[in-house]
Amino acid sequence: LLRPSSTLQLKEFMEYFMSNSARKIGRLHNWRGAL
């Protein structure tokens, strides 16, 4: 639940979260596919 100041800020926050969590969580489970 977010309060973005702009559409760009929302995009950058979610892209950073999803891309980095995908790599890091995938490594924890040795998961090579998309998260």
PDB file of all heavy atoms in Angstrom:
ATOM      1  N   LEU A   1       0.888  -1.156   0.000  1.00  0.00           N
ATOM      2  CA  LEU A   1       0.000   0.000   0.000  1.00  0.00           C
ATOM      3  C   LEU A   1       0.925   1.205   0.000  1.00  0.00           C
ATOM      4  O   LEU A   1       1.661   1.440   0.973  1.00  0.00           O
ATOM      5  CB  LEU A   1      -0.894  -0.018   1.242  1.00  0.00           C
ATOM      6  CG  LEU A   1      -2.195   0.807   1.181  1.00  0.00           C
ATOM      7  CD1 LEU A   1      -3.037   0.390  -0.019  1.00  0.00           C
ATOM      8  CD2 LEU A   1      -2.989   0.641   2.458  1.00  0.00           C
ATOM      9  N   LEU A   2       0.914   1.969  -1.097  1.00  0.00           N
ATOM     10  CA  LEU A   2       1.921   2.993  -1.344  1.00  0.00           C
ATOM     11  C   LEU A   2       1.277   4.357  -1.575  1.00  0.00           C
ATOM     12  O   LEU A   2       0.106   4.456  -1.945  1.00  0.00           O
ATOM     13  CB  LEU A   2       2.757   2.622  -2.573  1.00  0.00           C
ATOM     14  CG  LEU A   2       3.402   1.238  -2.568  1.00  0.00           C
ATOM     15  CD1 LEU A   2       4.002   0.934  -3.929  1.00  0.00           C
ATOM     16  CD2 LEU A   2       4.455   1.129  -1.480  1.00  0.00           C
ATOM     17  N   ARG A   3       2.092   5.404  -1.361  1.00  0.00           N
ATOM     18  CA  ARG A   3       1.674   6.777  -1.644  1.00  0.00           C
ATOM     19  C   ARG A   3       2.695   7.406  -2.596  1.00  0.00           C
ATOM     20  O   ARG A   3       3.524   8.219  -2.186  1.00  0.00           O
ATOM     21  CB  ARG A   3       1.584   7.584  -0.343  1.00  0.00           C
ATOM     22  CG  ARG A   3       0.571   7.069   0.654  1.00  0.00           C
ATOM     23  CD  ARG A   3       0.544   7.905   1.934  1.00  0.00           C
ATOM     24  NE  ARG A   3       0.146   9.296   1.690  1.00  0.00           N
ATOM     25  CZ  ARG A   3      -0.022  10.212   2.642  1.00  0.00           C
ATOM     26  NH1 ARG A   3       0.188   9.870   3.915  1.00  0.00           N
ATOM     27  NH2 ARG A   3      -0.389  11.430   2.352  1.00  0.00           N
ATOM     28  N   PRO A   4       2.653   7.054  -3.883  1.00  0.00           N
ATOM     29  CA  PRO A   4       3.654   7.584  -4.823  1.00  0.00           C
ATOM     30  C   PRO A   4       3.426   9.053  -5.127  1.00  0.00           C
ATOM     31  O   PRO A   4       2.287   9.521  -5.203  1.00  0.00           O
ATOM     32  CB  PRO A   4       3.435   6.719  -6.073  1.00  0.00           C
ATOM     33  CG  PRO A   4       2.002   6.307  -5.991  1.00  0.00           C
ATOM     34  CD  PRO A   4       1.715   6.124  -4.531  1.00  0.00           C
ATOM     35  N   SER A   5       4.511   9.759  -5.316  1.00  0.00           N
ATOM     36  CA  SER A   5       4.425  11.173  -5.707  1.00  0.00           C
ATOM     37  C   SER A   5       4.311  11.331  -7.215  1.00  0.00           C
ATOM     38  O   SER A   5       3.976  12.410  -7.703  1.00  0.00           O
ATOM     39  CB  SER A   5       5.650  11.933  -5.202  1.00  0.00           C
ATOM     40  OG  SER A   5       6.843  11.379  -5.753  1.00  0.00           O
ATOM     41  N   SER A   6       4.594  10.261  -7.957  1.00  0.00           N
ATOM     42  CA  SER A   6       4.476  10.294  -9.412  1.00  0.00           C
ATOM     43  C   SER A   6       4.364   8.870  -9.929  1.00  0.00           C
ATOM     44  O   SER A   6       4.710   7.905  -9.241  1.00  0.00           O
ATOM     45  CB  SER A   6       5.695  10.981 -10.045  1.00  0.00           C
ATOM     46  OG  SER A   6       6.864  10.194  -9.839  1.00  0.00           O
ATOM     47  N   THR A   7       3.903   8.753 -11.160  1.00  0.00           N
ATOM     48  CA  THR A   7       3.826   7.445 -11.808  1.00  0.00           C
ATOM     49  C   THR A   7       5.222   6.865 -11.986  1.00  0.00           C
ATOM     50  O   THR A   7       5.429   5.655 -11.825  1.00  0.00           O
ATOM     51  CB  THR A   7       3.128   7.566 -13.170  1.00  0.00           C
ATOM     52  OG1 THR A   7       1.837   8.149 -12.984  1.00  0.00           O
ATOM     53  CG2 THR A   7       2.964   6.203 -13.823  1.00  0.00           C
ATOM     54  N   LEU A   8       6.189   7.712 -12.319  1.00  0.00           N
ATOM     55  CA  LEU A   8       7.563   7.242 -12.508  1.00  0.00           C
ATOM     56  C   LEU A   8       8.126   6.676 -11.213  1.00  0.00           C
ATOM     57  O   LEU A   8       8.810   5.649 -11.219  1.00  0.00           O
ATOM     58  CB  LEU A   8       8.438   8.394 -13.012  1.00  0.00           C
ATOM     59  CG  LEU A   8       9.913   8.061 -13.246  1.00  0.00           C
ATOM     60  CD1 LEU A   8      10.052   6.974 -14.298  1.00  0.00           C
ATOM     61  CD2 LEU A   8      10.680   9.312 -13.658  1.00  0.00           C
ATOM     62  N   GLN A   9       7.848   7.328 -10.089  1.00  0.00           N
ATOM     63  CA  GLN A   9       8.346   6.821  -8.810  1.00  0.00           C
ATOM     64  C   GLN A   9       7.759   5.443  -8.515  1.00  0.00           C
ATOM     65  O   GLN A   9       8.475   4.533  -8.058  1.00  0.00           O
ATOM     66  CB  GLN A   9       7.972   7.781  -7.677  1.00  0.00           C
ATOM     67  CG  GLN A   9       8.548   7.377  -6.330  1.00  0.00           C
ATOM     68  CD  GLN A   9       7.948   8.163  -5.177  1.00  0.00           C
ATOM     69  OE1 GLN A   9       6.738   8.390  -5.142  1.00  0.00           O
ATOM     70  NE2 GLN A   9       8.781   8.579  -4.246  1.00  0.00           N
ATOM     71  N   LEU A  10       6.474   5.259  -8.772  1.00  0.00           N
ATOM     72  CA  LEU A  10       5.840   3.947  -8.562  1.00  0.00           C
ATOM     73  C   LEU A  10       6.494   2.900  -9.448  1.00  0.00           C
ATOM     74  O   LEU A  10       6.807   1.786  -8.993  1.00  0.00           O
ATOM     75  CB  LEU A  10       4.349   4.047  -8.857  1.00  0.00           C
ATOM     76  CG  LEU A  10       3.547   2.740  -8.771  1.00  0.00           C
ATOM     77  CD1 LEU A  10       3.569   2.191  -7.357  1.00  0.00           C
ATOM     78  CD2 LEU A  10       2.112   2.962  -9.246  1.00  0.00           C
ATOM     79  N   LYS A  11       6.704   3.234 -10.703  1.00  0.00           N
ATOM     80  CA  LYS A  11       7.329   2.303 -11.645  1.00  0.00           C
ATOM     81  C   LYS A  11       8.728   1.905 -11.180  1.00  0.00           C
ATOM     82  O   LYS A  11       9.084   0.716 -11.160  1.00  0.00           O
ATOM     83  CB  LYS A  11       7.397   2.940 -13.025  1.00  0.00           C
ATOM     84  CG  LYS A  11       8.268   2.211 -14.040  1.00  0.00           C
ATOM     85  CD  LYS A  11       8.339   2.987 -15.329  1.00  0.00           C
ATOM     86  CE  LYS A  11       9.305   2.363 -16.321  1.00  0.00           C
ATOM     87  NZ  LYS A  11      10.716   2.469 -15.875  1.00  0.00           N
ATOM     88  N   GLU A  12       9.532   2.887 -10.799  1.00  0.00           N
ATOM     89  CA  GLU A  12      10.913   2.581 -10.414  1.00  0.00           C
ATOM     90  C   GLU A  12      10.975   1.772  -9.131  1.00  0.00           C
ATOM     91  O   GLU A  12      11.813   0.865  -8.998  1.00  0.00           O
ATOM     92  CB  GLU A  12      11.695   3.890 -10.267  1.00  0.00           C
ATOM     93  CG  GLU A  12      11.918   4.605 -11.599  1.00  0.00           C
ATOM     94  CD  GLU A  12      12.681   5.897 -11.431  1.00  0.00           C
ATOM     95  OE1 GLU A  12      12.744   6.414 -10.282  1.00  0.00           O
ATOM     96  OE2 GLU A  12      13.211   6.406 -12.442  1.00  0.00           O
ATOM     97  N   PHE A  13      10.107   2.085  -8.169  1.00  0.00           N
ATOM     98  CA  PHE A  13      10.099   1.326  -6.921  1.00  0.00           C
ATOM     99  C   PHE A  13       9.734  -0.132  -7.179  1.00  0.00           C
ATOM    100  O   PHE A  13      10.424  -1.050  -6.712  1.00  0.00           O
ATOM    101  CB  PHE A  13       9.105   1.946  -5.932  1.00  0.00           C
ATOM    102  CG  PHE A  13       8.934   1.155  -4.661  1.00  0.00           C
ATOM    103  CD1 PHE A  13       9.800   1.338  -3.593  1.00  0.00           C
ATOM    104  CD2 PHE A  13       7.911   0.223  -4.526  1.00  0.00           C
ATOM    105  CE1 PHE A  13       9.648   0.610  -2.417  1.00  0.00           C
ATOM    106  CE2 PHE A  13       7.758  -0.510  -3.359  1.00  0.00           C
ATOM    107  CZ  PHE A  13       8.629  -0.315  -2.307  1.00  0.00           C
ATOM    108  N   MET A  14       8.654  -0.360  -7.910  1.00  0.00           N
ATOM    109  CA  MET A  14       8.202  -1.729  -8.131  1.00  0.00           C
ATOM    110  C   MET A  14       9.167  -2.503  -9.021  1.00  0.00           C
ATOM    111  O   MET A  14       9.404  -3.702  -8.801  1.00  0.00           O
ATOM    112  CB  MET A  14       6.800  -1.721  -8.742  1.00  0.00           C
ATOM    113  CG  MET A  14       5.708  -1.262  -7.784  1.00  0.00           C
ATOM    114  SD  MET A  14       5.620  -2.233  -6.248  1.00  0.00           S
ATOM    115  CE  MET A  14       5.355  -3.890  -6.887  1.00  0.00           C
ATOM    116  N   GLU A  15       9.740  -1.857 -10.031  1.00  0.00           N
ATOM    117  CA  GLU A  15      10.698  -2.548 -10.883  1.00  0.00           C
ATOM    118  C   GLU A  15      11.933  -2.966 -10.093  1.00  0.00           C
ATOM    119  O   GLU A  15      12.447  -4.073 -10.252  1.00  0.00           O
ATOM    120  CB  GLU A  15      11.099  -1.654 -12.059  1.00  0.00           C
ATOM    121  CG  GLU A  15      10.060  -1.576 -13.160  1.00  0.00           C
ATOM    122  CD  GLU A  15      10.557  -0.801 -14.365  1.00  0.00           C
ATOM    123  OE1 GLU A  15      11.651  -0.185 -14.258  1.00  0.00           O
ATOM    124  OE2 GLU A  15       9.865  -0.802 -15.397  1.00  0.00           O
ATOM    125  N   TYR A  16      12.408  -2.074  -9.227  1.00  0.00           N
ATOM    126  CA  TYR A  16      13.588  -2.398  -8.423  1.00  0.00           C
ATOM    127  C   TYR A  16      13.272  -3.548  -7.472  1.00  0.00           C
ATOM    128  O   TYR A  16      14.065  -4.490  -7.333  1.00  0.00           O
ATOM    129  CB  TYR A  16      14.041  -1.170  -7.638  1.00  0.00           C
ATOM    130  CG  TYR A  16      15.359  -1.364  -6.929  1.00  0.00           C
ATOM    131  CD1 TYR A  16      16.558  -1.068  -7.568  1.00  0.00           C
ATOM    132  CD2 TYR A  16      15.404  -1.849  -5.628  1.00  0.00           C
ATOM    133  CE1 TYR A  16      17.772  -1.254  -6.928  1.00  0.00           C
ATOM    134  CE2 TYR A  16      16.610  -2.042  -4.976  1.00  0.00           C
ATOM    135  CZ  TYR A  16      17.790  -1.741  -5.637  1.00  0.00           C
ATOM    136  OH  TYR A  16      18.989  -1.939  -4.995  1.00  0.00           O
ATOM    137  N   PHE A  17      12.108  -3.472  -6.821  1.00  0.00           N
ATOM    138  CA  PHE A  17      11.741  -4.535  -5.885  1.00  0.00           C
ATOM    139  C   PHE A  17      11.593  -5.870  -6.599  1.00  0.00           C
ATOM    140  O   PHE A  17      12.140  -6.890  -6.156  1.00  0.00           O
ATOM    141  CB  PHE A  17      10.435  -4.196  -5.160  1.00  0.00           C
ATOM    142  CG  PHE A  17       9.863  -5.366  -4.399  1.00  0.00           C
ATOM    143  CD1 PHE A  17      10.408  -5.753  -3.191  1.00  0.00           C
ATOM    144  CD2 PHE A  17       8.798  -6.095  -4.920  1.00  0.00           C
ATOM    145  CE1 PHE A  17       9.908  -6.850  -2.506  1.00  0.00           C
ATOM    146  CE2 PHE A  17       8.289  -7.188  -4.237  1.00  0.00           C
ATOM    147  CZ  PHE A  17       8.843  -7.563  -3.024  1.00  0.00           C
ATOM    148  N   MET A  18      10.865  -5.896  -7.708  1.00  0.00           N
ATOM    149  CA  MET A  18      10.574  -7.169  -8.361  1.00  0.00           C
ATOM    150  C   MET A  18      11.820  -7.784  -8.997  1.00  0.00           C
ATOM    151  O   MET A  18      12.023  -8.995  -8.922  1.00  0.00           O
ATOM    152  CB  MET A  18       9.470  -6.972  -9.403  1.00  0.00           C
ATOM    153  CG  MET A  18       8.124  -6.605  -8.791  1.00  0.00           C
ATOM    154  SD  MET A  18       6.780  -6.473  -9.991  1.00  0.00           S
ATOM    155  CE  MET A  18       6.560  -8.202 -10.427  1.00  0.00           C
ATOM    156  N   SER A  19      12.659  -6.986  -9.612  1.00  0.00           N
ATOM    157  CA  SER A  19      13.852  -7.530 -10.263  1.00  0.00           C
ATOM    158  C   SER A  19      14.855  -8.056  -9.245  1.00  0.00           C
ATOM    159  O   SER A  19      15.393  -9.163  -9.397  1.00  0.00           O
ATOM    160  CB  SER A  19      14.501  -6.473 -11.157  1.00  0.00           C
ATOM    161  OG  SER A  19      14.897  -5.338 -10.398  1.00  0.00           O
ATOM    162  N   ASN A  20      15.102  -7.288  -8.181  1.00  0.00           N
ATOM    163  CA  ASN A  20      16.094  -7.725  -7.195  1.00  0.00           C
ATOM    164  C   ASN A  20      15.575  -8.862  -6.318  1.00  0.00           C
ATOM    165  O   ASN A  20      16.327  -9.780  -5.971  1.00  0.00           O
ATOM    166  CB  ASN A  20      16.514  -6.539  -6.331  1.00  0.00           C
ATOM    167  CG  ASN A  20      17.468  -5.609  -7.045  1.00  0.00           C
ATOM    168  OD1 ASN A  20      18.669  -5.850  -7.101  1.00  0.00           O
ATOM    169  ND2 ASN A  20      16.935  -4.541  -7.622  1.00  0.00           N
ATOM    170  N   SER A  21      14.306  -8.829  -5.946  1.00  0.00           N
ATOM    171  CA  SER A  21      13.760  -9.932  -5.156  1.00  0.00           C
ATOM    172  C   SER A  21      13.741 -11.215  -5.973  1.00  0.00           C
ATOM    173  O   SER A  21      13.969 -12.303  -5.429  1.00  0.00           O
ATOM    174  CB  SER A  21      12.352  -9.596  -4.663  1.00  0.00           C
ATOM    175  OG  SER A  21      11.474  -9.347  -5.744  1.00  0.00           O
ATOM    176  N   ALA A  22      13.495 -11.122  -7.278  1.00  0.00           N
ATOM    177  CA  ALA A  22      13.486 -12.317  -8.124  1.00  0.00           C
ATOM    178  C   ALA A  22      14.843 -12.999  -8.106  1.00  0.00           C
ATOM    179  O   ALA A  22      14.944 -14.223  -7.970  1.00  0.00           O
ATOM    180  CB  ALA A  22      13.084 -11.951  -9.547  1.00  0.00           C
ATOM    181  N   ARG A  23      15.904 -12.215  -8.248  1.00  0.00           N
ATOM    182  CA  ARG A  23      17.246 -12.804  -8.252  1.00  0.00           C
ATOM    183  C   ARG A  23      17.617 -13.371  -6.891  1.00  0.00           C
ATOM    184  O   ARG A  23      18.133 -14.490  -6.781  1.00  0.00           O
ATOM    185  CB  ARG A  23      18.267 -11.754  -8.689  1.00  0.00           C
ATOM    186  CG  ARG A  23      18.205 -11.392 -10.162  1.00  0.00           C
ATOM    187  CD  ARG A  23      19.405 -10.573 -10.564  1.00  0.00           C
ATOM    188  NE  ARG A  23      19.382  -9.259  -9.933  1.00  0.00           N
ATOM    189  CZ  ARG A  23      18.820  -8.188 -10.485  1.00  0.00           C
ATOM    190  NH1 ARG A  23      18.203  -8.285 -11.645  1.00  0.00           N
ATOM    191  NH2 ARG A  23      18.852  -7.021  -9.876  1.00  0.00           N
ATOM    192  N   LYS A  24      17.353 -12.615  -5.843  1.00  0.00           N
ATOM    193  CA  LYS A  24      17.820 -13.019  -4.521  1.00  0.00           C
ATOM    194  C   LYS A  24      16.988 -14.166  -3.935  1.00  0.00           C
ATOM    195  O   LYS A  24      17.531 -15.094  -3.341  1.00  0.00           O
ATOM    196  CB  LYS A  24      17.817 -11.804  -3.585  1.00  0.00           C
ATOM    197  CG  LYS A  24      18.832 -10.751  -3.989  1.00  0.00           C
ATOM    198  CD  LYS A  24      18.830  -9.558  -3.057  1.00  0.00           C
ATOM    199  CE  LYS A  24      19.885  -8.544  -3.476  1.00  0.00           C
ATOM    200  NZ  LYS A  24      21.252  -9.063  -3.365  1.00  0.00           N
ATOM    201  N   ILE A  25      15.679 -14.109  -4.092  1.00  0.00           N
ATOM    202  CA  ILE A  25      14.845 -15.200  -3.588  1.00  0.00           C
ATOM    203  C   ILE A  25      15.073 -16.461  -4.414  1.00  0.00           C
ATOM    204  O   ILE A  25      15.093 -17.574  -3.881  1.00  0.00           O
ATOM    205  CB  ILE A  25      13.358 -14.796  -3.614  1.00  0.00           C
ATOM    206  CG1 ILE A  25      13.110 -13.588  -2.707  1.00  0.00           C
ATOM    207  CG2 ILE A  25      12.480 -15.964  -3.182  1.00  0.00           C
ATOM    208  CD1 ILE A  25      13.412 -13.818  -1.248  1.00  0.00           C
ATOM    209  N   GLY A  26      15.258 -16.290  -5.732  1.00  0.00           N
ATOM    210  CA  GLY A  26      15.537 -17.446  -6.571  1.00  0.00           C
ATOM    211  C   GLY A  26      16.796 -18.176  -6.145  1.00  0.00           C
ATOM    212  O   GLY A  26      16.844 -19.421  -6.127  1.00  0.00           O
ATOM    213  N   ARG A  27      17.824 -17.438  -5.763  1.00  0.00           N
ATOM    214  CA  ARG A  27      19.063 -18.066  -5.305  1.00  0.00           C
ATOM    215  C   ARG A  27      18.851 -18.869  -4.023  1.00  0.00           C
ATOM    216  O   ARG A  27      19.463 -19.928  -3.835  1.00  0.00           O
ATOM    217  CB  ARG A  27      20.135 -16.995  -5.057  1.00  0.00           C
ATOM    218  CG  ARG A  27      20.835 -16.505  -6.309  1.00  0.00           C
ATOM    219  CD  ARG A  27      21.878 -15.469  -5.952  1.00  0.00           C
ATOM    220  NE  ARG A  27      22.637 -15.046  -7.109  1.00  0.00           N
ATOM    221  CZ  ARG A  27      23.742 -15.632  -7.531  1.00  0.00           C
ATOM    222  NH1 ARG A  27      24.207 -16.691  -6.888  1.00  0.00           N
ATOM    223  NH2 ARG A  27      24.382 -15.180  -8.589  1.00  0.00           N
ATOM    224  N   LEU A  28      18.007 -18.377  -3.145  1.00  0.00           N
ATOM    225  CA  LEU A  28      17.775 -19.076  -1.883  1.00  0.00           C
ATOM    226  C   LEU A  28      17.177 -20.461  -2.100  1.00  0.00           C
ATOM    227  O   LEU A  28      17.417 -21.385  -1.317  1.00  0.00           O
ATOM    228  CB  LEU A  28      16.840 -18.251  -0.990  1.00  0.00           C
ATOM    229  CG  LEU A  28      17.381 -16.911  -0.480  1.00  0.00           C
ATOM    230  CD1 LEU A  28      16.335 -16.205   0.361  1.00  0.00           C
ATOM    231  CD2 LEU A  28      18.654 -17.119   0.342  1.00  0.00           C
ATOM    232  N   HIS A  29      16.387 -20.612  -3.169  1.00  0.00           N
ATOM    233  CA  HIS A  29      15.731 -21.887  -3.450  1.00  0.00           C
ATOM    234  C   HIS A  29      16.344 -22.612  -4.645  1.00  0.00           C
ATOM    235  O   HIS A  29      15.793 -23.629  -5.089  1.00  0.00           O
ATOM    236  CB  HIS A  29      14.241 -21.659  -3.727  1.00  0.00           C
ATOM    237  CG  HIS A  29      13.499 -21.026  -2.586  1.00  0.00           C
ATOM    238  ND1 HIS A  29      13.464 -21.571  -1.321  1.00  0.00           N
ATOM    239  CD2 HIS A  29      12.763 -19.889  -2.518  1.00  0.00           C
ATOM    240  CE1 HIS A  29      12.733 -20.801  -0.532  1.00  0.00           C
ATOM    241  NE2 HIS A  29      12.300 -19.781  -1.235  1.00  0.00           N
ATOM    242  N   ASN A  30      17.467 -22.082  -5.165  1.00  0.00           N
ATOM    243  CA  ASN A  30      18.082 -22.642  -6.368  1.00  0.00           C
ATOM    244  C   ASN A  30      17.053 -22.726  -7.487  1.00  0.00           C
ATOM    245  O   ASN A  30      16.970 -23.706  -8.229  1.00  0.00           O
ATOM    246  CB  ASN A  30      18.677 -24.033  -6.085  1.00  0.00           C
ATOM    247  CG  ASN A  30      19.625 -24.479  -7.182  1.00  0.00           C
ATOM    248  OD1 ASN A  30      20.235 -23.656  -7.885  1.00  0.00           O
ATOM    249  ND2 ASN A  30      19.759 -25.785  -7.354  1.00  0.00           N
ATOM    250  N   TRP A  31      16.263 -21.671  -7.591  1.00  0.00           N
ATOM    251  CA  TRP A  31      15.198 -21.600  -8.598  1.00  0.00           C
ATOM    252  C   TRP A  31      15.697 -20.781  -9.782  1.00  0.00           C
ATOM    253  O   TRP A  31      15.989 -19.607  -9.652  1.00  0.00           O
ATOM    254  CB  TRP A  31      13.953 -20.952  -7.981  1.00  0.00           C
ATOM    255  CG  TRP A  31      12.809 -20.770  -8.928  1.00  0.00           C
ATOM    256  CD1 TRP A  31      12.421 -19.616  -9.543  1.00  0.00           C
ATOM    257  CD2 TRP A  31      11.889 -21.768  -9.364  1.00  0.00           C
ATOM    258  NE1 TRP A  31      11.320 -19.822 -10.333  1.00  0.00           N
ATOM    259  CE2 TRP A  31      10.967 -21.144 -10.239  1.00  0.00           C
ATOM    260  CE3 TRP A  31      11.748 -23.141  -9.095  1.00  0.00           C
ATOM    261  CZ2 TRP A  31       9.930 -21.854 -10.848  1.00  0.00           C
ATOM    262  CZ3 TRP A  31      10.710 -23.835  -9.701  1.00  0.00           C
ATOM    263  CH2 TRP A  31       9.823 -23.188 -10.560  1.00  0.00           C
ATOM    264  N   ARG A  32      15.783 -21.403 -10.957  1.00  0.00           N
ATOM    265  CA  ARG A  32      16.375 -20.742 -12.115  1.00  0.00           C
ATOM    266  C   ARG A  32      15.345 -20.093 -13.026  1.00  0.00           C
ATOM    267  O   ARG A  32      15.695 -19.362 -13.940  1.00  0.00           O
ATOM    268  CB  ARG A  32      17.199 -21.759 -12.918  1.00  0.00           C
ATOM    269  CG  ARG A  32      18.378 -22.309 -12.125  1.00  0.00           C
ATOM    270  CD  ARG A  32      19.220 -23.240 -12.967  1.00  0.00           C
ATOM    271  NE  ARG A  32      20.341 -23.784 -12.209  1.00  0.00           N
ATOM    272  CZ  ARG A  32      21.489 -23.163 -12.026  1.00  0.00           C
ATOM    273  NH1 ARG A  32      21.670 -21.967 -12.562  1.00  0.00           N
ATOM    274  NH2 ARG A  32      22.446 -23.719 -11.320  1.00  0.00           N
ATOM    275  N   GLY A  33      14.082 -20.365 -12.801  1.00  0.00           N
ATOM    276  CA  GLY A  33      13.056 -19.781 -13.643  1.00  0.00           C
ATOM    277  C   GLY A  33      12.626 -18.416 -13.132  1.00  0.00           C
ATOM    278  O   GLY A  33      13.212 -17.848 -12.204  1.00  0.00           O
ATOM    279  N   ALA A  34      11.570 -17.883 -13.761  1.00  0.00           N
ATOM    280  CA  ALA A  34      11.030 -16.595 -13.332  1.00  0.00           C
ATOM    281  C   ALA A  34      10.396 -16.730 -11.959  1.00  0.00           C
ATOM    282  O   ALA A  34       9.822 -17.769 -11.617  1.00  0.00           O
ATOM    283  CB  ALA A  34       9.995 -16.104 -14.340  1.00  0.00           C
ATOM    284  N   LEU A  35      10.488 -15.689 -11.156  1.00  0.00           N
ATOM    285  CA  LEU A  35       9.853 -15.695  -9.845  1.00  0.00           C
ATOM    286  C   LEU A  35       8.436 -15.143  -9.933  1.00  0.00           C
ATOM    287  O   LEU A  35       7.506 -15.691  -9.337  1.00  0.00           O
ATOM    288  CB  LEU A  35      10.667 -14.862  -8.856  1.00  0.00           C
ATOM    289  CG  LEU A  35      10.075 -14.778  -7.446  1.00  0.00           C
ATOM    290  CD1 LEU A  35      10.259 -16.102  -6.708  1.00  0.00           C
ATOM    291  CD2 LEU A  35      10.705 -13.641  -6.646  1.00  0.00           C
TER     292      LEU A  35
END
